[in-house]
N, C-alpha and C. Protein backbone atom coordinates (compact mmCIF):
# COMPACT_ATOMS: atom_id res chain seq x y z
N UNK A 1 0.81 -1.14 -0.07
CA UNK A 1 -0.28 -0.19 0.05
C UNK A 1 0.70 1.41 0.18
N UNK A 2 1.84 1.04 0.81
CA UNK A 2 2.71 2.61 1.04
C UNK A 2 3.39 2.91 -0.54
N UNK A 3 3.81 1.89 -1.21
CA UNK A 3 4.25 2.05 -2.40
C UNK A 3 3.49 2.36 -3.55
N UNK A 4 2.26 1.62 -3.55
CA UNK A 4 0.99 2.66 -4.39
C UNK A 4 0.99 4.06 -4.04
N UNK A 5 0.73 4.21 -2.98
CA UNK A 5 0.92 6.08 -2.34
C UNK A 5 1.70 6.47 -3.15
N UNK A 6 3.33 6.35 -3.05
CA UNK A 6 4.45 7.05 -3.39
C UNK A 6 4.13 7.47 -4.77
N UNK A 7 3.81 6.15 -5.49
CA UNK A 7 3.53 6.53 -7.29
C UNK A 7 2.56 7.02 -7.31
N UNK A 8 1.44 7.39 -6.69
CA UNK A 8 0.28 7.97 -7.37
C UNK A 8 0.44 9.18 -6.72
N UNK A 9 0.84 9.85 -5.23
CA UNK A 9 0.91 11.24 -4.86
C UNK A 9 2.28 11.96 -5.19
N UNK A 10 3.38 10.90 -4.84
CA UNK A 10 4.67 11.61 -5.09
C UNK A 10 5.45 11.71 -6.68
N UNK A 11 4.84 10.29 -7.44
CA UNK A 11 5.32 10.46 -8.70
C UNK A 11 6.50 9.39 -9.21
N UNK A 12 6.77 8.67 -8.06
CA UNK A 12 7.90 7.77 -8.03
C UNK A 12 7.60 6.79 -8.93
N UNK A 13 8.15 6.21 -9.54
CA UNK A 13 7.83 4.69 -10.50
C UNK A 13 8.57 3.42 -9.70
N UNK A 14 7.82 3.16 -8.74
CA UNK A 14 8.40 2.01 -7.99
C UNK A 14 7.98 0.49 -8.29
N UNK A 15 7.14 0.24 -9.55
CA UNK A 15 6.77 -0.73 -9.65
C UNK A 15 7.66 -1.63 -10.27
N UNK A 16 8.50 -1.21 -10.82
CA UNK A 16 9.71 -2.41 -11.82
C UNK A 16 11.04 -2.50 -10.76
N UNK A 17 10.66 -1.93 -9.44
CA UNK A 17 12.09 -1.85 -8.67
C UNK A 17 11.84 -3.11 -7.23
N UNK A 18 12.65 -3.62 -6.96
CA UNK A 18 12.51 -4.62 -5.90
C UNK A 18 12.53 -3.53 -4.47
N UNK A 19 11.68 -3.98 -3.43
CA UNK A 19 11.70 -3.28 -2.28
C UNK A 19 12.22 -3.95 -1.00
N UNK A 20 13.09 -3.74 -0.51
CA UNK A 20 13.35 -4.68 0.90
C UNK A 20 13.64 -3.75 1.88
N UNK A 21 13.11 -3.96 3.18
CA UNK A 21 13.24 -3.36 4.32
C UNK A 21 13.77 -4.18 5.34
N UNK A 22 14.67 -3.54 6.18
CA UNK A 22 15.29 -4.14 7.14
C UNK A 22 14.87 -3.17 8.50
N UNK A 23 14.04 -4.18 9.39
CA UNK A 23 13.70 -3.42 10.63
C UNK A 23 14.50 -3.76 11.92
N UNK A 24 15.24 -2.97 13.03
CA UNK A 24 15.64 -3.05 13.55
C UNK A 24 15.07 -3.72 14.83
N UNK A 25 15.88 -4.39 15.70
CA UNK A 25 15.22 -5.47 16.49
C UNK A 25 14.74 -4.11 17.76
N UNK A 26 13.47 -4.88 18.12
CA UNK A 26 12.75 -4.14 19.16
C UNK A 26 11.54 -2.92 18.86
N UNK A 27 11.73 -2.76 17.27
CA UNK A 27 10.48 -1.95 16.83
C UNK A 27 9.27 -2.95 16.65
N UNK A 28 8.36 -2.55 17.04
CA UNK A 28 6.74 -3.11 16.73
C UNK A 28 6.86 -2.66 15.49
N UNK A 29 6.50 -3.40 14.46
CA UNK A 29 6.29 -3.39 12.81
C UNK A 29 4.61 -2.79 12.66
N UNK A 30 4.08 -3.65 13.48
CA UNK A 30 2.37 -3.51 13.55
C UNK A 30 2.03 -2.10 14.05
N UNK A 31 3.00 -1.09 14.33
CA UNK A 31 2.73 0.65 14.82
C UNK A 31 2.36 1.32 13.57
N UNK A 32 1.59 1.83 13.43
CA UNK A 32 1.07 2.29 11.95
C UNK A 32 2.03 4.01 12.19
N UNK A 33 2.52 4.15 12.98
CA UNK A 33 3.20 5.65 13.36
C UNK A 33 4.91 5.08 12.16
N UNK A 34 5.19 4.27 11.99
CA UNK A 34 6.17 3.69 11.62
C UNK A 34 6.38 4.02 10.02
N UNK A 35 4.94 4.14 9.17
CA UNK A 35 4.53 4.39 7.84
C UNK A 35 5.17 5.57 7.09
N UNK A 36 5.30 6.74 7.63
CA UNK A 36 6.21 7.75 7.58
C UNK A 36 7.83 7.89 7.20
N UNK A 37 8.56 6.66 8.45
CA UNK A 37 9.78 6.43 8.62
C UNK A 37 10.32 5.61 7.07
N UNK A 38 9.16 4.68 7.01
CA UNK A 38 9.17 3.49 5.78
C UNK A 38 9.37 4.63 4.51
N UNK A 39 8.16 4.91 4.27
CA UNK A 39 8.24 5.71 2.94
C UNK A 39 9.20 6.56 2.88
N UNK A 40 9.88 7.29 3.86
CA UNK A 40 10.98 8.15 3.59
C UNK A 40 12.27 7.70 3.28
N UNK A 41 12.35 6.42 3.79
CA UNK A 41 13.62 5.38 3.45
C UNK A 41 13.68 4.97 2.18
N UNK A 42 12.29 4.73 1.84
CA UNK A 42 12.52 4.28 0.31
C UNK A 42 12.60 5.40 -0.89
N UNK A 43 12.35 6.32 -0.23
CA UNK A 43 12.62 7.65 -1.13
C UNK A 43 13.63 7.78 -1.12
N UNK A 44 14.53 8.09 0.07
CA UNK A 44 16.02 8.29 0.34
C UNK A 44 16.67 7.41 -0.61
N UNK A 45 16.33 6.23 -0.70
CA UNK A 45 16.97 5.27 -1.14
C UNK A 45 16.95 5.26 -3.07
N UNK A 46 15.71 5.47 -3.25
CA UNK A 46 15.44 5.52 -4.82
C UNK A 46 16.01 6.98 -5.42
N UNK A 47 16.37 8.17 -4.69
CA UNK A 47 16.89 9.14 -5.01
C UNK A 47 18.38 9.41 -4.81
N UNK A 48 18.83 8.04 -3.94
CA UNK A 48 19.97 8.12 -3.76
C UNK A 48 20.79 9.46 -3.07
N UNK A 49 19.57 9.85 -1.89
CA UNK A 49 19.91 11.05 -1.24
C UNK A 49 19.36 10.58 -0.15
N UNK A 50 20.61 10.85 1.24
CA UNK A 50 20.38 10.76 2.52
C UNK A 50 19.35 11.65 3.16
N UNK A 51 18.98 11.16 4.64
CA UNK A 51 17.86 12.23 4.80
C UNK A 51 18.91 12.52 6.34
N UNK A 52 18.91 13.78 6.05
CA UNK A 52 19.78 14.60 7.26
C UNK A 52 19.86 14.17 8.76
N UNK A 53 20.70 13.89 9.17
CA UNK A 53 21.18 13.63 10.35
C UNK A 53 20.72 14.01 11.25
N UNK A 54 19.81 13.92 12.55
CA UNK A 54 18.98 14.11 13.46
C UNK A 54 17.70 14.79 13.12
N UNK A 55 17.02 13.98 11.94
CA UNK A 55 15.65 13.80 11.66
C UNK A 55 14.89 12.84 12.51
N UNK A 56 13.52 13.04 12.84
CA UNK A 56 13.22 11.73 13.30
C UNK A 56 11.72 12.16 13.00
N UNK A 57 11.21 10.96 13.01
CA UNK A 57 9.49 11.10 12.25
C UNK A 57 8.99 10.18 12.49
N UNK A 58 7.32 10.51 12.85
CA UNK A 58 6.47 9.43 13.12
C UNK A 58 4.68 9.70 12.43
N UNK A 59 4.20 8.73 11.70
CA UNK A 59 2.71 9.31 11.10
C UNK A 59 2.37 8.05 10.01
N UNK A 60 1.13 7.94 10.41
CA UNK A 60 0.57 6.72 9.44
C UNK A 60 -0.20 7.31 8.31
N UNK A 61 0.30 6.69 7.38
CA UNK A 61 -0.06 7.37 5.51
C UNK A 61 -1.31 6.47 5.57
N UNK A 62 -2.40 7.32 4.84
CA UNK A 62 -3.35 6.75 4.52
C UNK A 62 -3.27 6.77 2.98
N UNK A 63 -4.40 5.99 2.45
CA UNK A 63 -4.27 5.48 1.13
C UNK A 63 -4.64 6.64 0.08
N UNK A 64 -4.81 7.86 0.26
CA UNK A 64 -5.26 9.27 -0.42
C UNK A 64 -3.99 10.20 -0.09
N UNK A 65 -2.88 9.48 0.44
CA UNK A 65 -1.30 10.37 0.82
C UNK A 65 -1.23 11.60 1.99
N UNK A 66 -2.78 11.45 2.82
CA UNK A 66 -2.73 11.98 4.20
C UNK A 66 -2.00 11.33 5.03
N UNK A 67 -1.17 12.38 5.92
CA UNK A 67 -0.33 11.68 7.01
C UNK A 67 -1.51 11.74 8.37
N UNK A 68 -1.75 10.73 8.42
CA UNK A 68 -2.83 10.73 9.75
C UNK A 68 -1.91 10.75 11.59
N UNK A 69 -2.49 11.19 12.29
CA UNK A 69 -2.01 11.22 13.46
C UNK A 69 -2.04 10.26 14.26
N UNK A 70 -0.95 10.30 15.08
CA UNK A 70 -0.90 8.76 15.65
C UNK A 70 -0.70 9.43 17.31
N UNK A 71 -0.84 8.01 18.16
CA UNK A 71 -0.90 7.78 19.43
C UNK A 71 0.50 8.40 20.02
N UNK A 72 0.21 8.64 21.37
CA UNK A 72 1.61 9.15 22.54
C UNK A 72 2.61 10.11 21.40
N UNK A 73 2.23 11.02 21.01
CA UNK A 73 2.98 11.78 20.05
C UNK A 73 3.80 12.61 21.15
N UNK A 74 3.55 13.15 22.10
CA UNK A 74 4.29 13.83 23.00
C UNK A 74 5.25 12.78 23.46
N UNK A 75 4.94 11.43 24.00
CA UNK A 75 6.37 10.68 24.38
C UNK A 75 7.28 10.36 23.25
N UNK A 76 6.50 10.27 21.90
CA UNK A 76 7.72 10.29 21.31
C UNK A 76 8.73 10.86 20.99
N UNK A 77 8.17 12.39 20.85
CA UNK A 77 8.83 13.85 20.73
C UNK A 77 9.76 13.78 21.95
N UNK A 78 9.40 13.38 23.14
CA UNK A 78 10.08 13.70 24.53
C UNK A 78 11.52 12.52 23.95
N UNK A 79 10.97 11.48 23.85
CA UNK A 79 12.12 10.37 23.43
C UNK A 79 13.13 10.89 22.21
N UNK A 80 12.85 11.39 21.35
CA UNK A 80 13.45 12.01 19.99
C UNK A 80 14.30 12.69 20.79
N UNK A 81 13.72 13.67 21.51
CA UNK A 81 14.85 14.89 22.44
C UNK A 81 15.95 14.45 23.23
N UNK A 82 15.34 12.95 23.90
CA UNK A 82 16.52 12.51 24.76
C UNK A 82 17.95 11.72 23.95
N UNK A 83 17.07 11.40 22.79
CA UNK A 83 18.11 10.88 21.66
C UNK A 83 18.92 11.87 21.05
N UNK A 84 18.88 13.06 21.38
CA UNK A 84 19.39 13.97 20.53
C UNK A 84 19.31 14.33 19.18
N UNK A 85 17.62 13.94 18.61
CA UNK A 85 17.33 14.56 17.42
C UNK A 85 16.96 15.88 17.43
N UNK A 86 17.08 16.78 16.00
CA UNK A 86 17.19 18.00 16.55
C UNK A 86 15.89 18.48 15.51
N UNK A 87 15.15 17.64 14.88
CA UNK A 87 14.02 18.08 13.91
C UNK A 87 12.84 16.35 14.15
N UNK A 88 11.84 16.90 13.87
CA UNK A 88 10.71 15.91 14.35
C UNK A 88 9.31 16.35 13.29
N UNK A 89 9.37 15.22 12.27
CA UNK A 89 8.13 15.34 11.51
C UNK A 89 7.45 14.70 11.75
N UNK A 90 5.85 15.33 11.73
CA UNK A 90 4.99 14.71 12.41
C UNK A 90 3.41 15.20 11.97
N UNK A 91 2.59 14.31 11.83
CA UNK A 91 1.07 14.91 11.21
C UNK A 91 0.58 16.09 11.78
N UNK A 92 0.21 17.22 10.90
CA UNK A 92 -0.34 18.79 11.33
C UNK A 92 -1.26 18.20 12.73
N UNK A 93 -2.09 17.14 12.74
CA UNK A 93 -3.09 17.25 13.89
C UNK A 93 -2.99 17.06 14.98
N UNK A 94 -1.75 16.20 14.94
CA UNK A 94 -0.93 15.98 16.31
C UNK A 94 -0.54 17.16 16.98
N UNK A 95 -0.51 18.18 16.52
CA UNK A 95 -0.05 19.52 17.10
C UNK A 95 -0.96 20.17 18.00
N UNK A 96 -2.17 19.98 17.90
CA UNK A 96 -3.49 20.17 18.42
C UNK A 96 -3.31 19.38 19.96
N UNK A 97 -3.14 20.30 20.87
CA UNK A 97 -3.11 19.97 22.38
C UNK A 97 -1.66 19.46 22.89
N UNK A 98 -0.77 20.20 22.36
CA UNK A 98 0.61 20.04 22.24
C UNK A 98 1.16 21.21 23.25
N UNK A 99 1.60 21.22 23.99
CA UNK A 99 2.50 22.58 24.75
C UNK A 99 4.15 23.00 23.77
N UNK A 100 3.96 23.18 23.17
CA UNK A 100 5.26 23.25 22.24
C UNK A 100 6.09 24.21 22.91
N UNK A 101 5.69 25.27 23.55
CA UNK A 101 6.96 26.31 24.66
C UNK A 101 8.07 25.20 25.29
N UNK A 102 7.75 24.00 25.50
CA UNK A 102 8.39 23.12 26.65
C UNK A 102 9.25 22.05 25.62
N UNK A 103 8.93 22.23 24.25
CA UNK A 103 9.57 21.29 23.38
C UNK A 103 10.78 21.98 22.55
N UNK A 104 11.78 21.21 22.94
CA UNK A 104 13.33 21.89 22.59
C UNK A 104 13.30 21.70 21.32
N UNK A 105 12.96 20.16 20.56
CA UNK A 105 12.98 19.94 19.03
C UNK A 105 12.32 20.81 18.00
N UNK A 106 12.69 20.41 16.82
CA UNK A 106 11.93 21.93 15.94
C UNK A 106 11.19 20.83 15.35
N UNK A 107 9.62 21.07 15.51
CA UNK A 107 8.36 20.04 14.78
C UNK A 107 8.33 20.60 13.65
N UNK A 108 8.20 19.87 12.44
CA UNK A 108 7.87 19.73 11.35
C UNK A 108 6.55 19.28 11.05
N UNK A 109 5.68 19.81 11.04
CA UNK A 109 3.83 19.21 10.64
C UNK A 109 3.46 19.27 9.16
N UNK A 110 3.35 18.23 8.62
CA UNK A 110 2.83 17.78 7.70
C UNK A 110 1.38 17.43 7.23
N UNK A 111 0.74 17.63 6.31
CA UNK A 111 -0.90 17.16 6.11
C UNK A 111 -0.58 15.77 5.09
N UNK A 112 0.36 15.85 4.19
CA UNK A 112 0.32 14.93 3.00
C UNK A 112 1.64 14.58 2.72
N UNK A 113 1.71 13.34 2.23
CA UNK A 113 3.22 12.54 1.62
C UNK A 113 4.04 13.67 0.85
N UNK A 114 3.37 14.40 0.01
CA UNK A 114 4.15 15.16 -0.97
C UNK A 114 4.92 16.67 0.11
N UNK A 115 4.21 16.55 1.10
CA UNK A 115 4.92 18.02 2.07
C UNK A 115 5.74 17.25 2.73
N UNK A 116 5.45 16.12 3.34
CA UNK A 116 6.92 15.41 4.37
C UNK A 116 7.85 15.20 3.00
N UNK A 117 7.76 14.85 1.68
CA UNK A 117 8.80 14.82 0.76
C UNK A 117 9.69 16.29 0.78
N UNK A 118 9.04 17.29 0.50
CA UNK A 118 9.27 18.49 0.58
C UNK A 118 10.25 19.12 1.73
N UNK A 119 9.94 18.78 2.88
CA UNK A 119 10.73 18.99 4.15
C UNK A 119 11.77 17.69 4.29
N UNK A 120 11.74 16.67 4.05
CA UNK A 120 12.99 15.85 4.05
C UNK A 120 13.96 15.83 2.80
N UNK A 121 13.91 16.58 1.47
CA UNK A 121 14.15 16.70 0.53
C UNK A 121 14.59 17.87 -0.03
N UNK A 122 13.78 18.53 0.34
CA UNK A 122 14.17 20.24 -0.10
C UNK A 122 13.21 20.33 -1.56
């Protein structure tokens, strides 16, 4: 499903390519918040361009390319800060109710896959 969204919404032709994904131990693969990181890794590999170090992300991808809010976003942001990340790409709708004054990490809210692509790769 994620590859189909990338083809339709971002315009990458991935149908003729083999896509392999290696998940590090300890991460729950059934957590939909990993969707944004997965498509970012695929785009990074396809473009042969790395994602800036210090960048973290969480978001569920819908069929129309929307980035849906995820659970426990404040906990995820706090953990990213502890680990030294400088930027956090997150669903725009997750910003509601967050006290951004306490957060030191730069938050980059996105609504669509296209916006995330521009935020990550310029």
